[in-house]
PDB file of N, CA and C in Angstrom:
ATOM      1  N   MET A   1      26.635  33.537  32.771  1.00  0.00           N
ATOM      2  CA  MET A   1      26.436  32.251  32.479  1.00  0.00           C
ATOM      3  C   MET A   1      27.163  31.343  33.547  1.00  0.00           C
ATOM      4  N   LEU A   2      26.643  30.141  33.883  1.00  0.00           N
ATOM      5  CA  LEU A   2      27.300  29.203  34.775  1.00  0.00           C
ATOM      6  C   LEU A   2      27.973  28.083  34.170  1.00  0.00           C
ATOM      7  N   PHE A   3      29.060  27.814  34.723  1.00  0.00           N
ATOM      8  CA  PHE A   3      29.971  26.682  34.098  1.00  0.00           C
ATOM      9  C   PHE A   3      30.227  25.600  35.261  1.00  0.00           C
ATOM     10  N   VAL A   4      30.136  24.400  35.047  1.00  0.00           N
ATOM     11  CA  VAL A   4      30.744  23.367  35.798  1.00  0.00           C
ATOM     12  C   VAL A   4      32.137  22.901  35.184  1.00  0.00           C
ATOM     13  N   MET A   5      33.210  22.954  35.989  1.00  0.00           N
ATOM     14  CA  MET A   5      34.387  22.397  35.525  1.00  0.00           C
ATOM     15  C   MET A   5      34.824  21.179  36.261  1.00  0.00           C
ATOM     16  N   VAL A   6      34.782  19.948  35.600  1.00  0.00           N
ATOM     17  CA  VAL A   6      35.133  18.816  36.371  1.00  0.00           C
ATOM     18  C   VAL A   6      36.663  18.489  36.065  1.00  0.00           C
ATOM     19  N   SER A   7      37.518  18.471  37.185  1.00  0.00           N
ATOM     20  CA  SER A   7      38.997  18.197  36.950  1.00  0.00           C
ATOM     21  C   SER A   7      39.150  16.789  37.623  1.00  0.00           C
ATOM     22  N   THR A   8      39.942  15.923  36.809  1.00  0.00           N
ATOM     23  CA  THR A   8      40.383  14.711  37.204  1.00  0.00           C
ATOM     24  C   THR A   8      41.646  14.548  36.988  1.00  0.00           C
ATOM     25  N   TRP A   9      42.396  13.761  37.952  1.00  0.00           N
ATOM     26  CA  TRP A   9      43.784  13.643  37.847  1.00  0.00           C
ATOM     27  C   TRP A   9      44.277  12.134  38.394  1.00  0.00           C
ATOM     28  N   GLU A  10      45.468  11.757  38.020  1.00  0.00           N
ATOM     29  CA  GLU A  10      45.795  10.399  38.335  1.00  0.00           C
ATOM     30  C   GLU A  10      46.449  10.681  39.814  1.00  0.00           C
ATOM     31  N   PRO A  11      46.589   9.521  40.569  1.00  0.00           N
ATOM     32  CA  PRO A  11      47.115   9.546  41.852  1.00  0.00           C
ATOM     33  C   PRO A  11      48.611  10.063  41.896  1.00  0.00           C
ATOM     34  N   SER A  12      49.180   9.792  40.899  1.00  0.00           N
ATOM     35  CA  SER A  12      50.779  10.041  40.824  1.00  0.00           C
ATOM     36  C   SER A  12      50.968  11.524  40.736  1.00  0.00           C
ATOM     37  N   VAL A  13      49.990  12.511  40.576  1.00  0.00           N
ATOM     38  CA  VAL A  13      50.132  13.899  40.630  1.00  0.00           C
ATOM     39  C   VAL A  13      49.346  14.471  41.692  1.00  0.00           C
ATOM     40  N   ALA A  14      48.729  13.826  42.593  1.00  0.00           N
ATOM     41  CA  ALA A  14      48.092  14.174  43.676  1.00  0.00           C
ATOM     42  C   ALA A  14      48.814  15.253  44.619  1.00  0.00           C
ATOM     43  N   LYS A  15      49.988  14.794  44.874  1.00  0.00           N
ATOM     44  CA  LYS A  15      50.852  15.763  45.547  1.00  0.00           C
ATOM     45  C   LYS A  15      50.894  17.219  45.055  1.00  0.00           C
ATOM     46  N   GLU A  16      51.250  17.089  43.784  1.00  0.00           N
ATOM     47  CA  GLU A  16      51.492  18.355  43.069  1.00  0.00           C
ATOM     48  C   GLU A  16      50.157  19.173  43.006  1.00  0.00           C
ATOM     49  N   MET A  17      49.044  18.461  42.681  1.00  0.00           N
ATOM     50  CA  MET A  17      47.806  19.284  42.744  1.00  0.00           C
ATOM     51  C   MET A  17      47.597  19.812  44.108  1.00  0.00           C
ATOM     52  N   THR A  18      47.782  19.176  45.176  1.00  0.00           N
ATOM     53  CA  THR A  18      47.544  19.767  46.397  1.00  0.00           C
ATOM     54  C   THR A  18      48.574  20.995  46.601  1.00  0.00           C
ATOM     55  N   LYS A  19      49.783  20.850  46.302  1.00  0.00           N
ATOM     56  CA  LYS A  19      50.749  21.943  46.422  1.00  0.00           C
ATOM     57  C   LYS A  19      50.333  23.080  45.521  1.00  0.00           C
ATOM     58  N   ARG A  20      49.954  22.866  44.437  1.00  0.00           N
ATOM     59  CA  ARG A  20      49.483  24.173  43.469  1.00  0.00           C
ATOM     60  C   ARG A  20      48.218  24.680  44.026  1.00  0.00           C
ATOM     61  N   THR A  21      47.253  23.978  44.498  1.00  0.00           N
ATOM     62  CA  THR A  21      45.965  24.346  44.934  1.00  0.00           C
ATOM     63  C   THR A  21      46.235  25.311  46.274  1.00  0.00           C
ATOM     64  N   THR A  22      47.256  24.846  47.098  1.00  0.00           N
ATOM     65  CA  THR A  22      47.400  25.644  48.391  1.00  0.00           C
ATOM     66  C   THR A  22      48.029  27.083  47.999  1.00  0.00           C
ATOM     67  N   LYS A  23      48.547  27.200  46.856  1.00  0.00           N
ATOM     68  CA  LYS A  23      49.251  28.491  46.501  1.00  0.00           C
ATOM     69  C   LYS A  23      48.065  29.405  46.044  1.00  0.00           C
ATOM     70  N   GLY A  24      46.800  28.938  45.708  1.00  0.00           N
ATOM     71  CA  GLY A  24      45.787  29.578  45.175  1.00  0.00           C
ATOM     72  C   GLY A  24      45.466  29.172  43.832  1.00  0.00           C
ATOM     73  N   LEU A  25      44.204  29.225  43.506  1.00  0.00           N
ATOM     74  CA  LEU A  25      43.607  28.710  42.267  1.00  0.00           C
ATOM     75  C   LEU A  25      43.937  29.469  41.047  1.00  0.00           C
ATOM     76  N   GLN A  26      44.444  30.545  41.132  1.00  0.00           N
ATOM     77  CA  GLN A  26      44.929  31.409  39.952  1.00  0.00           C
ATOM     78  C   GLN A  26      43.766  31.505  38.895  1.00  0.00           C
ATOM     79  N   ILE A  27      42.653  31.953  39.229  1.00  0.00           N
ATOM     80  CA  ILE A  27      41.455  32.117  38.532  1.00  0.00           C
ATOM     81  C   ILE A  27      41.661  33.296  37.610  1.00  0.00           C
ATOM     82  N   PRO A  28      41.425  33.242  36.337  1.00  0.00           N
ATOM     83  CA  PRO A  28      41.543  34.361  35.375  1.00  0.00           C
ATOM     84  C   PRO A  28      40.553  35.399  35.753  1.00  0.00           C
ATOM     85  N   GLU A  29      40.974  36.707  35.313  1.00  0.00           N
ATOM     86  CA  GLU A  29      39.969  37.752  35.492  1.00  0.00           C
ATOM     87  C   GLU A  29      38.849  37.553  34.757  1.00  0.00           C
ATOM     88  N   GLY A  30      37.696  38.019  35.281  1.00  0.00           N
ATOM     89  CA  GLY A  30      36.466  37.761  34.597  1.00  0.00           C
ATOM     90  C   GLY A  30      35.538  36.620  34.860  1.00  0.00           C
ATOM     91  N   ILE A  31      36.203  35.755  35.830  1.00  0.00           N
ATOM     92  CA  ILE A  31      35.511  34.549  36.442  1.00  0.00           C
ATOM     93  C   ILE A  31      35.366  34.708  37.816  1.00  0.00           C
ATOM     94  N   GLU A  32      34.058  34.510  38.165  1.00  0.00           N
ATOM     95  CA  GLU A  32      33.640  34.444  39.658  1.00  0.00           C
ATOM     96  C   GLU A  32      33.413  33.081  40.102  1.00  0.00           C
ATOM     97  N   PRO A  33      34.348  32.662  40.989  1.00  0.00           N
ATOM     98  CA  PRO A  33      34.118  31.187  41.488  1.00  0.00           C
ATOM     99  C   PRO A  33      32.925  31.259  42.408  1.00  0.00           C
ATOM    100  N   ILE A  34      31.929  30.115  42.305  1.00  0.00           N
ATOM    101  CA  ILE A  34      30.764  30.006  42.962  1.00  0.00           C
ATOM    102  C   ILE A  34      30.935  28.950  44.081  1.00  0.00           C
ATOM    103  N   ALA A  35      31.484  27.780  43.644  1.00  0.00           N
ATOM    104  CA  ALA A  35      31.620  26.645  44.689  1.00  0.00           C
ATOM    105  C   ALA A  35      32.674  25.686  44.147  1.00  0.00           C
ATOM    106  N   HIS A  36      33.390  24.990  44.990  1.00  0.00           N
ATOM    107  CA  HIS A  36      34.165  23.822  44.670  1.00  0.00           C
ATOM    108  C   HIS A  36      33.969  22.682  45.594  1.00  0.00           C
ATOM    109  N   TYR A  37      33.828  21.519  44.921  1.00  0.00           N
ATOM    110  CA  TYR A  37      33.450  20.304  45.647  1.00  0.00           C
ATOM    111  C   TYR A  37      34.508  19.271  45.279  1.00  0.00           C
ATOM    112  N   THR A  38      34.924  18.548  46.264  1.00  0.00           N
ATOM    113  CA  THR A  38      35.878  17.452  46.030  1.00  0.00           C
ATOM    114  C   THR A  38      35.203  16.121  46.091  1.00  0.00           C
ATOM    115  N   ASP A  39      35.622  15.156  45.341  1.00  0.00           N
ATOM    116  CA  ASP A  39      35.135  13.798  45.411  1.00  0.00           C
ATOM    117  C   ASP A  39      35.869  13.277  46.673  1.00  0.00           C
ATOM    118  N   ILE A  40      35.102  12.669  47.682  1.00  0.00           N
ATOM    119  CA  ILE A  40      35.677  12.082  48.881  1.00  0.00           C
ATOM    120  C   ILE A  40      36.770  10.995  48.601  1.00  0.00           C
ATOM    121  N   GLY A  41      36.636  10.335  47.530  1.00  0.00           N
ATOM    122  CA  GLY A  41      37.570   9.302  47.056  1.00  0.00           C
ATOM    123  C   GLY A  41      38.952   9.970  46.615  1.00  0.00           C
ATOM    124  N   GLY A  42      39.017  11.227  46.295  1.00  0.00           N
ATOM    125  CA  GLY A  42      40.083  11.787  45.671  1.00  0.00           C
ATOM    126  C   GLY A  42      40.203  11.751  44.175  1.00  0.00           C
ATOM    127  N   GLY A  43      40.999  12.584  43.729  1.00  0.00           N
ATOM    128  CA  GLY A  43      41.353  12.436  42.207  1.00  0.00           C
ATOM    129  C   GLY A  43      40.280  13.301  41.355  1.00  0.00           C
ATOM    130  N   ARG A  44      39.254  13.982  41.922  1.00  0.00           N
ATOM    131  CA  ARG A  44      38.300  14.757  41.197  1.00  0.00           C
ATOM    132  C   ARG A  44      37.848  15.982  41.943  1.00  0.00           C
ATOM    133  N   VAL A  45      37.592  17.058  41.357  1.00  0.00           N
ATOM    134  CA  VAL A  45      36.978  18.239  41.907  1.00  0.00           C
ATOM    135  C   VAL A  45      36.035  18.708  40.850  1.00  0.00           C
ATOM    136  N   PHE A  46      34.970  19.220  41.474  1.00  0.00           N
ATOM    137  CA  PHE A  46      33.775  19.831  40.732  1.00  0.00           C
ATOM    138  C   PHE A  46      33.802  21.273  41.187  1.00  0.00           C
ATOM    139  N   SER A  47      33.967  22.193  40.202  1.00  0.00           N
ATOM    140  CA  SER A  47      33.883  23.685  40.406  1.00  0.00           C
ATOM    141  C   SER A  47      32.895  24.304  39.568  1.00  0.00           C
ATOM    142  N   VAL A  48      32.214  25.319  40.293  1.00  0.00           N
ATOM    143  CA  VAL A  48      31.148  26.028  39.590  1.00  0.00           C
ATOM    144  C   VAL A  48      31.635  27.566  39.457  1.00  0.00           C
ATOM    145  N   PHE A  49      31.601  27.995  38.319  1.00  0.00           N
ATOM    146  CA  PHE A  49      31.971  29.410  38.113  1.00  0.00           C
ATOM    147  C   PHE A  49      30.918  30.103  37.134  1.00  0.00           C
ATOM    148  N   GLU A  50      30.882  31.422  37.362  1.00  0.00           N
ATOM    149  CA  GLU A  50      30.187  32.289  36.683  1.00  0.00           C
ATOM    150  C   GLU A  50      31.016  33.278  35.796  1.00  0.00           C
ATOM    151  N   THR A  51      30.795  33.290  34.535  1.00  0.00           N
ATOM    152  CA  THR A  51      31.475  34.308  33.695  1.00  0.00           C
ATOM    153  C   THR A  51      30.490  34.579  32.521  1.00  0.00           C
ATOM    154  N   ASP A  52      30.738  35.592  31.700  1.00  0.00           N
ATOM    155  CA  ASP A  52      30.226  35.824  30.420  1.00  0.00           C
ATOM    156  C   ASP A  52      31.301  35.709  29.349  1.00  0.00           C
ATOM    157  N   ASP A  53      32.349  35.151  29.760  1.00  0.00           N
ATOM    158  CA  ASP A  53      33.543  34.873  28.927  1.00  0.00           C
ATOM    159  C   ASP A  53      34.061  33.602  28.686  1.00  0.00           C
ATOM    160  N   PRO A  54      33.386  32.701  27.766  1.00  0.00           N
ATOM    161  CA  PRO A  54      33.748  31.357  27.521  1.00  0.00           C
ATOM    162  C   PRO A  54      35.261  31.000  27.408  1.00  0.00           C
ATOM    163  N   GLN A  55      35.984  32.087  26.759  1.00  0.00           N
ATOM    164  CA  GLN A  55      37.443  31.935  26.455  1.00  0.00           C
ATOM    165  C   GLN A  55      38.164  31.958  27.864  1.00  0.00           C
ATOM    166  N   ALA A  56      37.663  32.864  28.863  1.00  0.00           N
ATOM    167  CA  ALA A  56      38.353  32.870  29.961  1.00  0.00           C
ATOM    168  C   ALA A  56      38.154  31.433  30.744  1.00  0.00           C
ATOM    169  N   MET A  57      37.166  30.608  30.609  1.00  0.00           N
ATOM    170  CA  MET A  57      36.942  29.265  31.143  1.00  0.00           C
ATOM    171  C   MET A  57      37.985  28.471  30.492  1.00  0.00           C
ATOM    172  N   ALA A  58      38.049  28.664  29.188  1.00  0.00           N
ATOM    173  CA  ALA A  58      39.100  27.746  28.560  1.00  0.00           C
ATOM    174  C   ALA A  58      40.600  28.041  29.012  1.00  0.00           C
ATOM    175  N   THR A  59      40.846  29.395  29.340  1.00  0.00           N
ATOM    176  CA  THR A  59      42.249  29.652  29.870  1.00  0.00           C
ATOM    177  C   THR A  59      42.333  29.137  31.257  1.00  0.00           C
ATOM    178  N   ALA A  60      41.201  29.100  31.995  1.00  0.00           N
ATOM    179  CA  ALA A  60      41.328  28.483  33.467  1.00  0.00           C
ATOM    180  C   ALA A  60      41.631  26.976  33.524  1.00  0.00           C
ATOM    181  N   ALA A  61      40.913  26.356  32.388  1.00  0.00           N
ATOM    182  CA  ALA A  61      41.203  24.848  32.308  1.00  0.00           C
ATOM    183  C   ALA A  61      42.677  24.678  31.725  1.00  0.00           C
ATOM    184  N   PHE A  62      43.208  25.468  30.865  1.00  0.00           N
ATOM    185  CA  PHE A  62      44.494  25.333  30.378  1.00  0.00           C
ATOM    186  C   PHE A  62      45.566  25.376  31.409  1.00  0.00           C
ATOM    187  N   MET A  63      45.338  26.162  32.422  1.00  0.00           N
ATOM    188  CA  MET A  63      46.253  26.460  33.427  1.00  0.00           C
ATOM    189  C   MET A  63      46.569  25.217  34.192  1.00  0.00           C
ATOM    190  N   TRP A  64      45.614  24.257  34.322  1.00  0.00           N
ATOM    191  CA  TRP A  64      45.842  22.944  34.945  1.00  0.00           C
ATOM    192  C   TRP A  64      46.154  21.714  34.081  1.00  0.00           C
ATOM    193  N   SER A  65      46.137  21.984  32.759  1.00  0.00           N
ATOM    194  CA  SER A  65      46.095  20.832  31.889  1.00  0.00           C
ATOM    195  C   SER A  65      47.468  19.860  31.965  1.00  0.00           C
ATOM    196  N   ASP A  66      48.428  20.515  32.645  1.00  0.00           N
ATOM    197  CA  ASP A  66      49.750  19.697  32.681  1.00  0.00           C
ATOM    198  C   ASP A  66      49.524  18.665  33.686  1.00  0.00           C
ATOM    199  N   LEU A  67      48.471  18.815  34.668  1.00  0.00           N
ATOM    200  CA  LEU A  67      48.348  17.844  35.755  1.00  0.00           C
ATOM    201  C   LEU A  67      46.814  17.274  35.650  1.00  0.00           C
ATOM    202  N   ALA A  68      45.903  17.794  35.122  1.00  0.00           N
ATOM    203  CA  ALA A  68      44.515  17.301  35.161  1.00  0.00           C
ATOM    204  C   ALA A  68      43.850  17.234  33.895  1.00  0.00           C
ATOM    205  N   ASN A  69      42.844  16.452  33.650  1.00  0.00           N
ATOM    206  CA  ASN A  69      42.014  16.617  32.519  1.00  0.00           C
ATOM    207  C   ASN A  69      40.742  17.298  33.020  1.00  0.00           C
ATOM    208  N   GLN A  70      40.367  18.206  32.101  1.00  0.00           N
ATOM    209  CA  GLN A  70      39.295  19.130  32.450  1.00  0.00           C
ATOM    210  C   GLN A  70      38.068  18.893  31.479  1.00  0.00           C
ATOM    211  N   GLU A  71      36.912  19.085  32.068  1.00  0.00           N
ATOM    212  CA  GLU A  71      35.681  18.982  31.165  1.00  0.00           C
ATOM    213  C   GLU A  71      34.894  20.186  31.628  1.00  0.00           C
ATOM    214  N   ILE A  72      34.461  21.000  30.758  1.00  0.00           N
ATOM    215  CA  ILE A  72      33.748  22.294  31.038  1.00  0.00           C
ATOM    216  C   ILE A  72      32.414  22.119  30.443  1.00  0.00           C
ATOM    217  N   VAL A  73      31.246  22.327  31.350  1.00  0.00           N
ATOM    218  CA  VAL A  73      29.982  22.236  30.926  1.00  0.00           C
ATOM    219  C   VAL A  73      29.222  23.405  31.207  1.00  0.00           C
ATOM    220  N   PRO A  74      28.622  24.062  30.341  1.00  0.00           N
ATOM    221  CA  PRO A  74      27.712  25.145  30.626  1.00  0.00           C
ATOM    222  C   PRO A  74      26.470  24.663  31.151  1.00  0.00           C
ATOM    223  N   VAL A  75      25.898  25.208  32.284  1.00  0.00           N
ATOM    224  CA  VAL A  75      24.714  24.858  33.076  1.00  0.00           C
ATOM    225  C   VAL A  75      23.769  25.922  33.269  1.00  0.00           C
ATOM    226  N   ILE A  76      22.543  25.633  33.498  1.00  0.00           N
ATOM    227  CA  ILE A  76      21.523  26.446  33.952  1.00  0.00           C
ATOM    228  C   ILE A  76      20.923  26.023  35.305  1.00  0.00           C
ATOM    229  N   GLU A  77      20.666  26.939  36.265  1.00  0.00           N
ATOM    230  CA  GLU A  77      20.093  26.685  37.379  1.00  0.00           C
ATOM    231  C   GLU A  77      18.599  26.338  37.327  1.00  0.00           C
ATOM    232  N   ILE A  78      18.046  25.186  37.783  1.00  0.00           N
ATOM    233  CA  ILE A  78      16.631  24.760  37.697  1.00  0.00           C
ATOM    234  C   ILE A  78      15.921  25.263  38.960  1.00  0.00           C
ATOM    235  N   PHE A  79      16.503  25.310  40.226  1.00  0.00           N
ATOM    236  CA  PHE A  79      15.982  25.849  41.402  1.00  0.00           C
ATOM    237  C   PHE A  79      16.824  25.930  42.375  1.00  0.00           C
ATOM    238  N   LYS A  80      16.584  26.709  43.446  1.00  0.00           N
ATOM    239  CA  LYS A  80      17.445  26.870  44.630  1.00  0.00           C
ATOM    240  C   LYS A  80      16.804  26.076  45.678  1.00  0.00           C
ATOM    241  N   GLY A  81      17.654  25.373  46.463  1.00  0.00           N
ATOM    242  CA  GLY A  81      17.216  24.526  47.553  1.00  0.00           C
ATOM    243  C   GLY A  81      16.980  25.410  48.623  1.00  0.00           C
TER     244      GLY A  81
END
């Protein structure tokens, strides 16, 4: 199953977000990262993951909850461009 995770954060934690991201995303086992997109304006990232374990997605979101708000949405592919 595919999931999109939208992560948003305040400018005051941007440096810490960058620091933690450069150390690696620390994605839990059982989740395959498909793509990551950043908002050009900053403060928001859109990540696409594939997993059969929704609990693993919740764990992934929790790992960043001290810095960012997370929204996880299950999605289906309509077509490939």
